[in-house]
């Protein structure tokens, strides 16, 4: 069994607060950020789909409106051609009356009205231009109208020199084709398309398959760049509504929506900057980020407050634990002092008896009639030297006990284990004689220092040596104390030749109040105190035991690499004596 990981020991409160803040922040913010990112991405995808669907629906609706506008105007011309005889249609006054009615009915959509004979000559005309007798025989729209019966032309300048397009239908009378034609007001038609707009940058226009504008675009358009160039070149489909992402003339990301008109002869195009089209997404994104920042700051503030409170509670608990640990150590020391007291008292009794005997002998010599004789003075001198020798012996014995009994100093400083081993063995010499136990030391010379509290390490040594002595039954045995260097550690081993520890008890050997000694002979705190002291010093403690073969406790301390002067409590004690 080894000591607990050093990370379990209390650290710097500031580090503890920082760790708690980071931990709580991660617990709160990571799921929040992930959920927010997922929701935002989902929202953006849904909104993009929504915008594209809305644009498709809008363009489809307006393409139907434009197609209906053109087809309705063509239908009006068809009705006129079908309902009135050619003779009346050839009357300019009659055409003028019909034109006025149609202009009133359709808000000026019709500009003029004319009848063209089979030779392509306009034989009757009503309108603002002087186009009577105009020859359209070579005009493409005329040829198409005769060939197809009904025709809607592209926008062109024509004879009048201004943009317009013509709706025309053919009626055959006595085998001769007559074409009834009308010019549609370009401004009205253009306004119909210009009204298609969303946001600040959206605009619509119409082009034909040759890439010629049929309406005037609100902004400049590059038809020689994708997606228009691809569609006009036949590289992209144009027989259905398409929503395409690309860049406008200035390289800004834009969204393009294109729908076919006039059975695919025209294209209704709608263009809008992506940033404008997705302004709501950007607003929602900014709101979401702002909300996330506020929530994050709130979470950090709460985490900080909670961590400060926890750190204070931990500091108070650690302070209480330190006090209790110190009290437990002092209790263990007092128990050890009580155990040593009888042996120390008996060991002091022998030199004291010798001193009393020698003092009595001096008193007898002083009663002699000639106390100053050479023989008496020599004997008195010997007796005084003997008293001094035994006094020094008592002083050394009491020093060892006082050194161990004084209040524990938890301050860590560089110490050498070999010095403490010698002191502890001196304290237990009387006990080992009674138990018929011999202590053998194998101490590595020039052993590196360790950094720990001398009095606490002294207590660890005493507990391990006493336990080793107690584990040996009659007729006696041997306790071996070894020190050595192992890598960056200084290792202490205490081995006995006792009865050993059952394997079932090894897992509990360091638990408080657990003891294998008979009732009344042990508190169960010795090894628990050793465990705590070693762990506090950054070391490890382990035990190996075999029944009837003995037990070995091994303690490893990290080597002290500092440059401070190495000393022990014995040095300080002797300096003060």
Protein backbone atom coordinates (compact mmCIF):
# COMPACT_ATOMS: atom_id res chain seq x y z
CA UNK A 1 0.00 0.00 0.00
CA UNK A 2 1.25 3.44 -0.86
CA UNK A 3 0.31 6.92 0.16
CA UNK A 4 -2.37 8.83 -1.67
CA UNK A 5 -1.56 10.89 -4.73
CA UNK A 6 -0.03 14.24 -3.91
CA UNK A 7 -2.68 15.98 -5.96
CA UNK A 8 -5.15 15.24 -3.18
CA UNK A 9 -3.30 17.55 -0.85
CA UNK A 10 -4.64 21.10 -0.63
CA UNK A 11 -3.00 23.60 -2.92
CA UNK A 12 -2.93 27.30 -3.47
CA UNK A 13 -6.42 28.82 -2.90
CA UNK A 14 -5.95 30.99 -5.98
CA UNK A 15 -5.24 27.90 -8.07
CA UNK A 16 -8.25 26.19 -6.51
CA UNK A 17 -10.47 29.16 -7.40
CA UNK A 18 -9.09 29.23 -10.93
CA UNK A 19 -9.63 25.49 -11.33
CA UNK A 20 -13.20 25.68 -10.06
CA UNK A 21 -13.97 28.69 -12.28
CA UNK A 22 -12.52 26.95 -15.32
CA UNK A 23 -14.29 23.71 -14.47
CA UNK A 24 -17.69 25.30 -13.89
CA UNK A 25 -17.25 27.53 -16.94
CA UNK A 26 -16.47 24.52 -19.10
CA UNK A 27 -19.40 22.58 -17.68
CA UNK A 28 -21.76 25.48 -18.38
CA UNK A 29 -20.29 27.08 -21.48
CA UNK A 30 -19.21 24.09 -23.57
CA UNK A 31 -22.72 22.58 -23.82
CA UNK A 32 -24.15 26.07 -24.25
CA UNK A 33 -21.74 26.94 -27.06
CA UNK A 34 -22.23 23.58 -28.77
CA UNK A 35 -26.02 23.80 -28.49
CA UNK A 36 -25.95 27.44 -29.62
CA UNK A 37 -23.72 26.64 -32.59
CA UNK A 38 -25.93 23.71 -33.61
CA UNK A 39 -29.11 25.74 -33.23
CA UNK A 40 -27.62 28.70 -35.09
CA UNK A 41 -26.39 26.48 -37.92
CA UNK A 42 -29.80 24.79 -38.06
CA UNK A 43 -31.52 28.17 -38.04
CA UNK A 44 -29.27 29.46 -40.82
CA UNK A 45 -29.92 26.35 -42.92
CA UNK A 46 -33.67 26.57 -42.33
CA UNK A 47 -33.73 30.28 -43.02
CA UNK A 48 -31.64 29.87 -46.18
CA UNK A 49 -34.09 27.25 -47.38
CA UNK A 50 -36.95 29.56 -46.42
CA UNK A 51 -35.43 32.50 -48.33
CA UNK A 52 -34.79 30.35 -51.39
CA UNK A 53 -38.34 28.99 -51.26
CA UNK A 54 -39.76 32.49 -50.86
CA UNK A 55 -37.72 33.75 -53.81
CA UNK A 56 -38.82 30.80 -55.91
CA UNK A 57 -42.47 31.39 -55.00
CA UNK A 58 -42.15 35.13 -55.61
CA UNK A 59 -40.50 34.70 -59.01
CA UNK A 60 -42.95 32.00 -59.98
CA UNK A 61 -45.86 34.24 -59.03
CA UNK A 62 -44.48 37.21 -60.93
CA UNK A 63 -43.57 35.10 -63.93
CA UNK A 64 -47.21 34.02 -64.06
CA UNK A 65 -48.26 37.65 -63.75
CA UNK A 66 -45.95 38.73 -66.57
CA UNK A 67 -46.98 35.80 -68.75
CA UNK A 68 -50.63 36.50 -67.99
CA UNK A 69 -50.18 40.18 -68.83
CA UNK A 70 -48.68 39.34 -72.23
CA UNK A 71 -51.11 36.52 -73.02
CA UNK A 72 -54.07 38.66 -71.98
CA UNK A 73 -52.97 41.41 -74.32
CA UNK A 74 -52.61 38.86 -77.10
CA UNK A 75 -56.05 37.50 -76.25
CA UNK A 76 -57.49 41.00 -76.49
CA UNK A 77 -56.07 41.33 -80.02
CA UNK A 78 -57.47 37.91 -80.91
CA UNK A 79 -60.93 38.93 -79.72
CA UNK A 80 -60.76 42.08 -81.84
CA UNK A 81 -59.64 40.10 -84.90
CA UNK A 82 -62.33 37.49 -84.43
CA UNK A 83 -65.28 39.73 -83.53
CA UNK A 84 -64.97 42.41 -86.21
CA UNK A 85 -64.98 42.12 -89.98
CA UNK A 86 -61.82 43.03 -91.86
CA UNK A 87 -63.69 45.93 -93.59
CA UNK A 88 -64.35 47.63 -90.26
CA UNK A 89 -60.87 46.87 -88.96
CA UNK A 90 -59.53 48.60 -92.05
CA UNK A 91 -61.29 51.83 -90.94
CA UNK A 92 -58.79 54.00 -88.99
CA UNK A 93 -61.64 55.73 -87.09
CA UNK A 94 -63.00 52.39 -85.95
CA UNK A 95 -59.51 51.29 -84.85
CA UNK A 96 -59.11 54.56 -82.97
CA UNK A 97 -62.39 53.99 -81.07
CA UNK A 98 -61.35 50.43 -80.18
CA UNK A 99 -57.88 51.66 -79.12
CA UNK A 100 -59.37 54.29 -76.81
CA UNK A 101 -61.61 51.69 -75.17
CA UNK A 102 -58.67 49.32 -74.71
CA UNK A 103 -56.44 52.06 -73.29
CA UNK A 104 -59.12 53.01 -70.77
CA UNK A 105 -59.79 49.40 -69.90
CA UNK A 106 -56.14 48.43 -69.44
CA UNK A 107 -54.68 51.67 -68.10
CA UNK A 108 -52.77 52.63 -71.20
CA UNK A 109 -51.14 49.24 -71.80
CA UNK A 110 -51.90 49.47 -75.53
CA UNK A 111 -49.98 52.17 -77.45
CA UNK A 112 -51.42 51.74 -80.93
CA UNK A 113 -53.43 49.40 -83.11
CA UNK A 114 -53.03 48.52 -86.79
CA UNK A 115 -54.12 46.22 -89.62
CA UNK A 116 -51.46 44.81 -91.99
CA UNK A 117 -52.43 43.18 -95.28
CA UNK A 118 -50.92 40.12 -96.92
CA UNK A 119 -48.26 42.27 -98.59
CA UNK A 120 -46.97 43.40 -95.21
CA UNK A 121 -48.33 46.97 -95.61
CA UNK A 122 -50.20 48.55 -92.72
CA UNK A 123 -53.47 49.61 -94.34
CA UNK A 124 -55.10 51.01 -91.21
CA UNK A 125 -53.48 52.56 -88.11
CA UNK A 126 -54.55 54.21 -84.85
CA UNK A 127 -51.95 55.62 -82.52
CA UNK A 128 -49.56 58.45 -81.75
CA UNK A 129 -47.12 57.71 -84.57
CA UNK A 130 -47.35 58.27 -88.33
CA UNK A 131 -47.16 54.61 -89.29
CA UNK A 132 -49.98 54.33 -91.83
CA UNK A 133 -48.76 52.51 -94.96
CA UNK A 134 -45.70 51.31 -93.05
CA UNK A 135 -44.10 48.29 -94.73
CA UNK A 136 -43.52 45.37 -92.35
CA UNK A 137 -43.06 42.70 -94.99
CA UNK A 138 -39.42 42.19 -94.01
CA UNK A 139 -40.00 42.56 -90.25
CA UNK A 140 -39.29 39.39 -88.31
CA UNK A 141 -42.36 39.78 -86.09
CA UNK A 142 -44.62 40.03 -89.16
CA UNK A 143 -43.20 36.90 -90.73
CA UNK A 144 -43.53 35.02 -87.43
CA UNK A 145 -47.11 36.21 -86.93
CA UNK A 146 -48.13 35.01 -90.42
CA UNK A 147 -46.38 31.68 -89.90
CA UNK A 148 -47.65 31.03 -86.33
CA UNK A 149 -51.05 32.76 -86.45
CA UNK A 150 -50.22 34.55 -83.17
CA UNK A 151 -46.95 36.04 -82.04
CA UNK A 152 -45.39 38.10 -79.28
CA UNK A 153 -42.16 39.80 -80.30
CA UNK A 154 -39.06 40.65 -78.33
CA UNK A 155 -38.47 44.23 -77.28
CA UNK A 156 -36.93 46.22 -80.13
CA UNK A 157 -36.65 49.82 -81.35
CA UNK A 158 -38.28 49.35 -84.78
CA UNK A 159 -39.44 52.19 -86.98
CA UNK A 160 -40.29 54.47 -84.03
CA UNK A 161 -36.79 54.29 -82.53
CA UNK A 162 -37.93 53.52 -78.96
CA UNK A 163 -38.13 50.20 -77.05
CA UNK A 164 -41.41 48.34 -77.53
CA UNK A 165 -42.76 44.93 -78.35
CA UNK A 166 -45.66 43.81 -80.50
CA UNK A 167 -48.50 41.35 -79.98
CA UNK A 168 -50.03 40.20 -83.24
CA UNK A 169 -52.56 37.68 -84.54
CA UNK A 170 -53.43 36.57 -88.10
CA UNK A 171 -56.89 36.27 -89.65
CA UNK A 172 -57.34 34.71 -93.10
CA UNK A 173 -60.07 36.23 -95.28
CA UNK A 174 -60.70 34.81 -98.77
CA UNK A 175 -57.33 33.12 -98.60
CA UNK A 176 -55.52 36.34 -97.79
CA UNK A 177 -53.79 36.67 -94.37
CA UNK A 178 -54.38 39.88 -92.45
CA UNK A 179 -52.36 40.67 -89.32
CA UNK A 180 -53.90 42.69 -86.48
CA UNK A 181 -51.08 44.09 -84.37
CA UNK A 182 -50.70 46.29 -81.30
CA UNK A 183 -47.75 47.86 -79.54
CA UNK A 184 -47.59 47.32 -75.77
CA UNK A 185 -46.50 50.26 -73.64
CA UNK A 186 -42.90 49.53 -72.62
CA UNK A 187 -43.03 51.77 -69.55
CA UNK A 188 -46.06 49.94 -68.17
CA UNK A 189 -44.48 46.58 -68.89
CA UNK A 190 -41.14 47.67 -67.43
CA UNK A 191 -42.85 48.98 -64.26
CA UNK A 192 -44.52 45.59 -63.90
CA UNK A 193 -41.08 44.00 -63.57
CA UNK A 194 -39.43 46.82 -61.65
CA UNK A 195 -41.95 46.34 -58.83
CA UNK A 196 -40.43 42.94 -58.13
CA UNK A 197 -38.02 43.74 -55.32
CA UNK A 198 -37.18 42.67 -51.75
CA UNK A 199 -34.83 44.45 -49.37
CA UNK A 200 -32.51 47.23 -50.43
CA UNK A 201 -30.57 45.49 -53.20
CA UNK A 202 -33.13 43.20 -54.85
CA UNK A 203 -34.18 43.93 -58.44
CA UNK A 204 -35.65 42.07 -61.41
CA UNK A 205 -35.36 42.29 -65.19
CA UNK A 206 -36.15 40.24 -68.28
CA UNK A 207 -33.75 39.06 -70.95
CA UNK A 208 -34.26 36.96 -74.05
CA UNK A 209 -32.25 33.93 -75.12
CA UNK A 210 -29.85 36.15 -77.04
CA UNK A 211 -28.90 38.00 -73.86
CA UNK A 212 -30.82 41.14 -74.81
CA UNK A 213 -32.59 43.10 -72.11
CA UNK A 214 -36.38 43.12 -72.46
CA UNK A 215 -36.73 45.46 -69.44
CA UNK A 216 -34.35 47.96 -67.90
CA UNK A 217 -32.49 46.58 -64.84
CA UNK A 218 -32.29 48.78 -61.77
CA UNK A 219 -28.55 48.16 -61.38
CA UNK A 220 -25.84 47.25 -63.82
CA UNK A 221 -25.73 43.55 -64.69
CA UNK A 222 -22.96 41.48 -66.29
CA UNK A 223 -24.64 38.96 -68.57
CA UNK A 224 -21.23 37.62 -69.63
CA UNK A 225 -20.59 36.22 -66.14
CA UNK A 226 -22.16 33.28 -64.32
CA UNK A 227 -24.87 32.39 -63.75
CA UNK A 228 -26.32 34.30 -66.74
CA UNK A 229 -23.55 33.32 -69.11
CA UNK A 230 -23.97 29.63 -68.24
CA UNK A 231 -27.72 29.74 -68.85
CA UNK A 232 -27.46 31.69 -72.11
CA UNK A 233 -24.77 29.27 -73.29
CA UNK A 234 -27.02 26.34 -72.48
CA UNK A 235 -24.70 25.01 -69.75
CA UNK A 236 -27.38 25.39 -67.08
CA UNK A 237 -31.04 24.46 -67.25
CA UNK A 238 -33.52 27.30 -67.73
CA UNK A 239 -36.76 25.37 -68.17
CA UNK A 240 -37.62 25.67 -64.50
CA UNK A 241 -37.14 28.07 -61.62
CA UNK A 242 -33.54 28.04 -60.41
CA UNK A 243 -31.97 29.59 -57.28
CA UNK A 244 -28.21 30.05 -57.73
CA UNK A 245 -25.53 31.49 -55.43
CA UNK A 246 -22.73 33.51 -56.97
CA UNK A 247 -21.15 36.96 -57.18
CA UNK A 248 -22.45 40.16 -58.72
CA UNK A 249 -20.57 42.54 -61.00
CA UNK A 250 -18.59 43.95 -58.04
CA UNK A 251 -17.71 40.53 -56.64
CA UNK A 252 -20.20 40.69 -53.78
CA UNK A 253 -21.90 37.39 -52.81
CA UNK A 254 -25.36 37.40 -54.32
CA UNK A 255 -28.33 35.12 -54.82
CA UNK A 256 -29.87 34.75 -58.30
CA UNK A 257 -33.36 33.47 -59.07
CA UNK A 258 -34.30 32.76 -62.69
CA UNK A 259 -37.66 31.67 -64.16
CA UNK A 260 -38.69 31.06 -67.81
CA UNK A 261 -41.25 33.29 -69.60
CA UNK A 262 -43.03 32.98 -72.95
CA UNK A 263 -42.47 29.22 -73.15
CA UNK A 264 -38.80 29.75 -72.30
CA UNK A 265 -38.08 32.45 -74.88
CA UNK A 266 -37.61 35.02 -72.12
CA UNK A 267 -36.01 34.74 -68.70
CA UNK A 268 -37.27 36.59 -65.65
CA UNK A 269 -34.18 37.24 -63.55
CA UNK A 270 -34.07 38.38 -59.92
CA UNK A 271 -30.80 39.35 -58.22
CA UNK A 272 -30.08 40.33 -54.60
CA UNK A 273 -27.00 40.61 -52.43
CA UNK A 274 -26.72 37.64 -50.06
CA UNK A 275 -26.09 39.87 -47.05
CA UNK A 276 -29.30 41.76 -47.79
CA UNK A 277 -31.31 38.60 -48.41
CA UNK A 278 -30.11 37.08 -45.15
CA UNK A 279 -30.16 40.24 -43.05
CA UNK A 280 -32.57 38.59 -40.62
CA UNK A 281 -30.14 35.71 -40.19
CA UNK A 282 -27.34 38.15 -39.45
CA UNK A 283 -29.52 39.96 -36.93
CA UNK A 284 -30.46 36.70 -35.27
CA UNK A 285 -26.82 35.61 -35.28
CA UNK A 286 -25.74 38.86 -33.64
CA UNK A 287 -28.53 38.49 -31.08
CA UNK A 288 -27.56 34.87 -30.43
CA UNK A 289 -23.88 35.77 -30.01
CA UNK A 290 -24.76 38.68 -27.72
CA UNK A 291 -27.00 36.39 -25.67
CA UNK A 292 -24.24 33.79 -25.51
CA UNK A 293 -21.73 36.41 -24.36
CA UNK A 294 -24.11 37.67 -21.65
CA UNK A 295 -24.88 34.14 -20.50
CA UNK A 296 -21.17 33.28 -20.56
CA UNK A 297 -20.28 36.32 -18.47
CA UNK A 298 -23.07 35.49 -16.05
CA UNK A 299 -21.87 31.89 -15.87
CA UNK A 300 -18.30 33.04 -15.25
CA UNK A 301 -19.44 35.45 -12.56
CA UNK A 302 -21.52 32.77 -10.86
CA UNK A 303 -18.66 30.29 -11.22
CA UNK A 304 -16.27 32.77 -9.65
CA UNK A 305 -18.59 33.51 -6.73
CA UNK A 306 -19.25 29.81 -6.17
CA UNK A 307 -15.55 28.99 -6.41
CA UNK A 308 -14.62 31.75 -3.95
CA UNK A 309 -17.16 30.43 -1.52
CA UNK A 310 -15.97 26.86 -2.01
CA UNK A 311 -12.35 27.96 -1.65
CA UNK A 312 -13.15 29.65 1.64
CA UNK A 313 -14.96 26.57 2.87
CA UNK A 314 -12.07 24.38 1.73
CA UNK A 315 -9.57 26.68 3.44
CA UNK A 316 -11.58 26.55 6.68
CA UNK A 317 -11.92 22.76 6.39
CA UNK A 318 -8.20 22.42 5.66
CA UNK A 319 -7.38 24.58 8.66
CA UNK A 320 -9.57 22.41 10.86
CA UNK A 321 -8.05 19.27 9.36
CA UNK A 322 -4.54 20.57 10.02
CA UNK A 323 -5.44 21.29 13.64
CA UNK A 324 -7.00 17.84 14.06
CA UNK A 325 -4.04 16.18 12.36
CA UNK A 326 -1.66 18.01 14.66
CA UNK A 327 -3.73 16.92 17.66
CA UNK A 328 -3.68 13.32 16.46
CA UNK A 329 0.09 13.47 16.02
CA UNK A 330 0.52 14.95 19.49
CA UNK A 331 -1.75 12.23 20.91
CA UNK A 332 0.41 9.60 19.24
CA UNK A 333 3.53 11.21 20.64
CA UNK A 334 2.09 11.25 24.14
CA UNK A 335 1.21 7.58 23.78
CA UNK A 336 4.76 6.86 22.67
CA UNK A 337 6.17 8.89 25.58
CA UNK A 338 4.05 6.87 27.99
CA UNK A 339 5.32 3.68 26.46
CA UNK A 340 8.94 4.89 26.77
CA UNK A 341 8.59 6.32 30.26
CA UNK A 342 8.99 3.05 32.17
CA UNK A 343 12.14 2.04 30.28
CA UNK A 344 13.63 5.53 30.53
CA UNK A 345 12.94 5.69 34.29
CA UNK A 346 14.63 2.32 34.81
CA UNK A 347 17.58 3.36 32.67
CA UNK A 348 18.01 6.56 34.67
CA UNK A 349 17.69 4.66 37.96
CA UNK A 350 21.01 2.80 37.47
CA UNK A 351 23.27 5.88 37.09
CA UNK A 352 21.37 7.64 39.88
CA UNK A 353 21.99 4.69 42.23
CA UNK A 354 25.70 4.79 41.33
CA UNK A 355 25.82 8.56 42.02
CA UNK A 356 24.09 8.08 45.42
CA UNK A 357 26.51 5.27 46.26
CA UNK A 358 29.54 7.38 45.31
CA UNK A 359 28.19 10.38 47.25
CA UNK A 360 27.84 8.18 50.35
CA UNK A 361 31.37 6.93 49.90
CA UNK A 362 32.65 10.51 49.70
CA UNK A 363 30.75 11.33 52.89
CA UNK A 364 32.39 8.35 54.63
CA UNK A 365 35.82 9.50 53.46
CA UNK A 366 35.19 13.00 54.74
CA UNK A 367 34.45 11.51 58.19
CA UNK A 368 37.90 9.93 58.25
CA UNK A 369 40.32 11.46 60.78
CA UNK A 370 42.60 12.46 57.92
CA UNK A 371 40.26 13.17 54.98
CA UNK A 372 42.98 15.04 53.11
CA UNK A 373 45.36 12.18 52.94
CA UNK A 374 46.63 11.30 49.51
CA UNK A 375 44.72 8.01 49.49
CA UNK A 376 41.45 9.70 50.53
CA UNK A 377 41.86 12.55 48.03
CA UNK A 378 42.52 10.06 45.25
CA UNK A 379 39.39 8.09 46.16
CA UNK A 380 37.31 11.28 46.44
CA UNK A 381 38.54 12.38 43.01
CA UNK A 382 37.59 9.00 41.51
CA UNK A 383 34.12 9.17 43.13
CA UNK A 384 33.53 12.71 41.84
CA UNK A 385 34.53 11.67 38.32
CA UNK A 386 32.18 8.72 38.57
CA UNK A 387 29.33 11.01 39.70
CA UNK A 388 30.10 13.35 36.75
CA UNK A 389 30.12 10.42 34.32
CA UNK A 390 26.79 9.09 35.58
CA UNK A 391 25.34 12.62 35.54
CA UNK A 392 26.31 12.99 31.88
CA UNK A 393 24.68 9.63 31.25
CA UNK A 394 21.45 10.82 32.89
CA UNK A 395 21.64 14.07 30.95
CA UNK A 396 21.94 12.17 27.65
CA UNK A 397 19.00 9.93 28.55
CA UNK A 398 16.76 12.85 29.56
CA UNK A 399 17.82 14.80 26.47
CA UNK A 400 16.61 12.02 24.21
CA UNK A 401 13.26 11.85 25.98
CA UNK A 402 12.85 15.66 26.03
CA UNK A 403 13.84 15.89 22.39
CA UNK A 404 11.02 13.53 21.50
CA UNK A 405 8.52 14.93 24.01
CA UNK A 406 8.74 18.59 23.04
CA UNK A 407 5.84 20.05 20.97
CA UNK A 408 5.85 19.06 17.33
CA UNK A 409 7.28 21.63 14.95
CA UNK A 410 5.59 21.11 11.52
CA UNK A 411 8.16 23.30 9.74
CA UNK A 412 9.96 21.37 7.02
CA UNK A 413 13.70 21.78 6.68
CA UNK A 414 16.63 19.73 5.35
CA UNK A 415 17.47 16.78 7.62
CA UNK A 416 19.51 13.58 7.39
CA UNK A 417 17.70 10.36 8.27
CA UNK A 418 20.82 8.68 9.68
CA UNK A 419 20.98 11.17 12.60
CA UNK A 420 17.35 10.57 13.51
CA UNK A 421 17.81 6.79 13.30
CA UNK A 422 20.64 6.97 15.87
CA UNK A 423 18.47 9.03 18.25
CA UNK A 424 15.47 6.72 17.99
CA UNK A 425 17.55 3.59 18.54
CA UNK A 426 18.97 5.24 21.67
CA UNK A 427 15.44 5.88 22.96
CA UNK A 428 14.43 2.25 22.47
CA UNK A 429 17.59 0.65 23.85
CA UNK A 430 16.00 -0.21 27.20
CA UNK A 431 12.91 -1.69 25.53
CA UNK A 432 15.01 -3.83 23.21
CA UNK A 433 16.96 -5.27 26.16
CA UNK A 434 13.76 -6.31 27.93
CA UNK A 435 12.33 -7.81 24.73
CA UNK A 436 15.60 -9.60 23.91
CA UNK A 437 15.65 -7.84 20.56
CA UNK A 438 18.79 -6.68 18.83
CA UNK A 439 18.72 -3.69 16.50
CA UNK A 440 20.96 -3.82 13.45
CA UNK A 441 21.58 -0.71 11.37
CA UNK A 442 22.73 -0.57 7.77
CA UNK A 443 22.98 3.18 7.10
CA UNK A 444 24.31 4.45 3.80
CA UNK A 445 27.17 6.89 4.42
CA UNK A 446 26.80 10.44 3.09
CA UNK A 447 23.06 9.91 2.77
CA UNK A 448 21.38 12.84 0.92
CA UNK A 449 19.12 15.08 2.97
CA UNK A 450 15.34 15.13 2.81
CA UNK A 451 12.99 18.07 3.45
CA UNK A 452 10.55 17.39 6.29
CA UNK A 453 9.70 18.21 9.89
CA UNK A 454 12.40 16.57 12.07
CA UNK A 455 10.06 15.88 15.01
CA UNK A 456 7.44 14.34 12.71
CA UNK A 457 9.97 12.08 10.97
CA UNK A 458 11.37 11.16 14.39
CA UNK A 459 7.89 10.02 15.37
CA UNK A 460 7.56 7.94 12.19
CA UNK A 461 10.87 6.20 12.97
CA UNK A 462 9.92 5.57 16.59
CA UNK A 463 6.51 4.14 15.66
CA UNK A 464 8.01 1.81 13.05
CA UNK A 465 10.82 0.62 15.36
CA UNK A 466 8.46 0.14 18.33
CA UNK A 467 5.99 -1.80 16.14
CA UNK A 468 8.86 -3.96 14.89
CA UNK A 469 9.99 -4.70 18.48
CA UNK A 470 6.40 -5.47 19.55
CA UNK A 471 5.97 -7.84 16.62
CA UNK A 472 8.84 -10.07 17.86
CA UNK A 473 7.84 -12.68 20.42
CA UNK A 474 10.06 -14.66 22.73
CA UNK A 475 12.75 -15.88 22.59
CA UNK A 476 13.55 -12.64 20.72
CA UNK A 477 14.72 -11.59 17.30
CA UNK A 478 16.24 -8.87 15.19
CA UNK A 479 15.09 -5.46 13.89
CA UNK A 480 17.06 -4.18 10.92
CA UNK A 481 17.00 -0.48 10.02
CA UNK A 482 18.35 0.35 6.55
CA UNK A 483 18.81 3.63 4.69
CA UNK A 484 19.81 3.94 1.07
CA UNK A 485 19.49 6.12 -2.00
CA UNK A 486 17.21 4.97 -4.81
CA UNK A 487 17.11 7.31 -7.80
CA UNK A 488 15.75 10.67 -6.65
CA UNK A 489 14.45 9.16 -3.38
CA UNK A 490 15.92 8.48 0.03
CA UNK A 491 14.56 5.14 1.26
CA UNK A 492 14.20 3.94 4.86
CA UNK A 493 13.36 0.27 5.56
CA UNK A 494 12.50 -1.22 8.97
CA UNK A 495 12.41 -5.01 8.95
CA UNK A 496 11.59 -7.38 11.82
CA UNK A 497 11.75 -11.13 12.24
CA UNK A 498 8.36 -11.27 13.91
CA UNK A 499 5.26 -13.34 13.27
CA UNK A 500 4.15 -11.28 10.24
CA UNK A 501 0.82 -9.69 9.30
CA UNK A 502 -2.02 -11.72 7.76
CA UNK A 503 -2.73 -10.81 4.15
CA UNK A 504 -6.35 -9.96 5.04
CA UNK A 505 -5.10 -7.18 7.37
CA UNK A 506 -2.58 -5.62 4.96
CA UNK A 507 -5.26 -3.60 3.21
CA UNK A 508 -6.32 -1.96 6.48
CA UNK A 509 -2.96 -1.56 8.17
CA UNK A 510 -2.90 2.23 7.71
CA UNK A 511 -6.56 2.81 8.66
CA UNK A 512 -7.11 4.90 11.80
CA UNK A 513 -7.84 2.86 14.97
CA UNK A 514 -7.02 -0.43 13.29
CA UNK A 515 -4.56 -2.50 15.35
CA UNK A 516 -3.48 -6.12 15.60
CA UNK A 517 -2.17 -5.69 19.15
CA UNK A 518 -4.07 -7.07 22.15
CA UNK A 519 -6.73 -4.88 23.73
CA UNK A 520 -5.19 -2.15 25.86
CA UNK A 521 -1.79 -2.30 24.15
CA UNK A 522 -2.40 -0.14 21.12
CA UNK A 523 -4.48 2.84 19.99
CA UNK A 524 -4.50 2.01 16.28
CA UNK A 525 -3.23 5.51 15.46
CA UNK A 526 0.51 4.85 15.06
CA UNK A 527 0.61 3.71 11.43
CA UNK A 528 -2.23 6.08 10.44
CA UNK A 529 -0.15 8.97 11.83
CA UNK A 530 2.91 7.67 9.97
CA UNK A 531 0.92 7.51 6.76
CA UNK A 532 -0.25 11.13 7.17
CA UNK A 533 3.23 12.45 8.02
CA UNK A 534 4.89 10.67 5.10
CA UNK A 535 2.19 11.80 2.69
CA UNK A 536 2.54 15.38 3.92
CA UNK A 537 6.30 15.21 3.24
CA UNK A 538 5.60 14.08 -0.33
CA UNK A 539 6.74 10.52 0.27
CA UNK A 540 5.26 7.04 0.09
CA UNK A 541 4.99 4.23 2.62
CA UNK A 542 4.41 0.56 1.85
CA UNK A 543 4.43 -2.74 3.70
CA UNK A 544 5.40 -6.28 2.80
CA UNK A 545 4.81 -9.17 5.17
CA UNK A 546 5.00 -12.94 5.24
CA UNK A 547 3.62 -15.07 8.06
CA UNK A 548 6.35 -16.39 10.42
CA UNK A 549 8.97 -14.66 8.28
CA UNK A 550 8.59 -11.05 9.32
CA UNK A 551 7.44 -7.66 8.07
CA UNK A 552 9.17 -4.83 6.24
CA UNK A 553 7.96 -1.23 6.18
CA UNK A 554 9.53 0.86 3.41
CA UNK A 555 9.36 4.65 3.39
CA UNK A 556 10.58 6.72 0.43
CA UNK A 557 11.15 10.47 0.69
CA UNK A 558 12.03 12.81 -2.18
CA UNK A 559 15.62 13.98 -1.98
CA UNK A 560 16.23 17.59 -0.91
CA UNK A 561 18.00 19.49 -3.70
CA UNK A 562 18.11 22.91 -2.02
CA UNK A 563 21.22 24.65 -0.79
CA UNK A 564 20.10 25.30 2.78
CA UNK A 565 22.30 24.10 5.63
CA UNK A 566 21.41 20.58 6.72
CA UNK A 567 20.85 20.04 10.44
CA UNK A 568 18.66 18.10 12.84
CA UNK A 569 16.84 18.81 16.05
CA UNK A 570 19.65 17.15 17.96
CA UNK A 571 22.04 19.81 16.71
CA UNK A 572 19.79 22.60 17.96
CA UNK A 573 19.14 20.82 21.25
CA UNK A 574 22.80 20.25 21.95
CA UNK A 575 23.57 23.87 21.09
CA UNK A 576 21.09 24.93 23.77
CA UNK A 577 22.27 22.52 26.46
